[in-house]
Protein backbone atom coordinates (compact mmCIF):
# COMPACT_ATOMS: atom_id res chain seq x y z
CA MET A 1 -7.96 14.47 43.81
CA ALA A 2 -4.29 14.44 44.19
CA ASP A 3 -1.91 14.10 46.83
CA ASN A 4 0.00 17.01 46.14
CA LYS A 5 1.43 17.23 49.94
CA GLY A 6 5.24 16.96 50.41
CA ASN A 7 8.09 17.54 48.15
CA ILE A 8 7.94 16.70 44.16
CA PHE A 9 10.86 14.21 44.83
CA LYS A 10 9.27 12.80 47.63
CA ARG A 11 6.58 11.81 45.81
CA PHE A 12 8.45 10.93 42.66
CA GLY A 13 10.16 8.26 44.84
CA LYS A 14 6.83 7.19 46.26
CA LYS A 15 5.19 6.12 42.89
CA ILE A 16 8.38 4.75 42.27
CA SER A 17 8.87 2.49 45.29
CA ASP A 18 5.24 1.31 44.44
CA VAL A 19 5.97 -0.12 40.91
CA PHE A 20 8.81 -2.19 42.55
CA ALA A 21 5.80 -3.66 44.72
CA GLU A 22 3.56 -3.89 42.37
CA LEU A 23 6.50 -6.11 39.64
CA LYS A 24 6.61 -8.65 43.00
CA ARG A 25 3.07 -9.51 42.88
CA VAL A 26 3.31 -10.22 39.61
CA THR A 27 3.50 -13.63 38.46
CA TRP A 28 6.01 -14.09 35.37
CA PRO A 29 5.59 -16.82 32.81
CA THR A 30 8.49 -19.53 32.96
CA GLY A 31 10.58 -19.82 30.67
CA GLU A 32 8.61 -22.55 28.72
CA LYS A 33 5.16 -21.28 28.47
CA LEU A 34 6.89 -18.21 26.77
CA GLY A 35 8.69 -20.45 24.52
CA LYS A 36 5.60 -21.87 23.81
CA THR A 37 3.62 -18.63 23.43
CA ALA A 38 5.91 -17.09 21.25
CA ALA A 39 5.53 -19.20 18.89
CA VAL A 40 1.93 -19.40 19.08
CA VAL A 41 2.08 -16.35 17.77
CA LEU A 42 4.85 -16.25 15.01
CA LEU A 43 2.18 -19.45 13.83
CA VAL A 44 -0.72 -17.09 13.81
CA ILE A 45 1.19 -14.45 12.20
CA ALA A 46 2.56 -16.46 9.00
CA PHE A 47 -0.92 -17.96 8.99
CA PHE A 48 -2.38 -14.67 8.32
CA ALA A 49 0.68 -13.55 6.42
CA VAL A 50 -0.08 -16.38 3.86
CA TYR A 51 -3.66 -15.60 3.59
CA LEU A 52 -4.01 -12.31 3.11
CA THR A 53 -1.30 -12.57 0.44
CA LEU A 54 -3.01 -15.51 -1.37
CA ILE A 55 -6.37 -12.87 -0.62
CA GLY A 56 -4.90 -9.97 -2.39
CA ASN A 57 -2.84 -11.78 -5.57
CA GLY A 58 -6.64 -14.05 -6.14
CA GLY A 59 -8.60 -10.21 -6.22
CA ARG A 60 -5.40 -8.89 -8.35
CA TRP A 61 -5.64 -12.37 -10.88
CA LEU A 62 -9.57 -12.14 -10.82
CA LEU A 63 -9.65 -8.67 -12.03
CA ASP A 64 -7.55 -9.33 -14.48
CA LYS A 65 -9.96 -11.85 -15.93
CA VAL A 66 -12.67 -9.95 -16.00
CA GLY A 67 -10.27 -6.90 -17.65
CA PHE A 68 -10.51 -3.98 -15.04
CA TYR A 69 -6.89 -2.91 -15.30
CA ASP A 70 -7.11 -2.74 -19.37
CA ILE A 71 -6.70 0.75 -20.98
CA VAL A 72 -9.88 2.14 -21.99
CA GLU A 73 -9.34 4.73 -24.69
CA THR A 74 -12.04 7.46 -24.20
CA THR A 75 -11.53 10.21 -26.80
CA PRO A 76 -13.12 9.41 -30.03
CA SER A 77 -10.52 8.14 -33.00
CA VAL A 78 -10.15 10.18 -36.16
CA GLU A 79 -10.89 7.71 -39.00
CA THR A 80 -7.99 7.80 -41.93
CA THR A 81 -8.59 8.16 -45.13
CA GLU A 82 -7.16 7.43 -48.71
CA ALA A 83 -6.52 10.86 -48.80
CA THR A 84 -4.75 11.52 -45.43
CA GLU A 85 -3.28 8.25 -45.93
CA ALA A 86 -1.82 8.58 -49.56
CA PRO A 87 1.39 11.37 -50.41
CA ALA A 88 -0.32 14.68 -51.99
CA GLU A 89 0.27 14.36 -55.51
CA THR A 90 2.06 17.20 -57.06
CA VAL A 91 0.82 19.90 -59.49
CA GLU A 92 4.01 20.95 -61.64
CA GLU A 93 3.51 24.02 -62.29
CA THR A 94 3.85 26.02 -65.74
CA GLU A 95 5.91 29.14 -65.81
CA PRO A 96 3.53 31.55 -68.66
CA SER A 97 5.44 31.16 -71.86
CA ALA A 98 6.75 34.32 -73.69
CA GLU A 99 4.85 33.45 -77.06
CA GLY A 100 1.19 34.31 -76.07
C-alpha cells in the first residue's frame, strides 16, 4: 500500500526531490548525437510521407482506370418516341355554321 504517513506537502516535496535525483542519474545525449538522431527521424518521416502519398495517388489512378468512380445510372431511362419529340399538331376548331 502507499505510504500515507506525514503531511501532504512533505510527501509532495519528497516526490519532487526523488524526481530531481532520478534526473541527475540520466545519461543525456550530446548535442552531436541529438542532431544525428533528429536528422534520422526527420528523414524517416519524409520517406514515409512520400511513400504513402505515392500509394494513395497510385491507388486513385488505378481505380480511375478501372472505372470505379464512374457514375452508373440506376433508374431505367425513358425511351423517347417521335410523338414525344415532335410538337403536337394543332387541331383547328370549326364553329358550327348557322346554315344548317
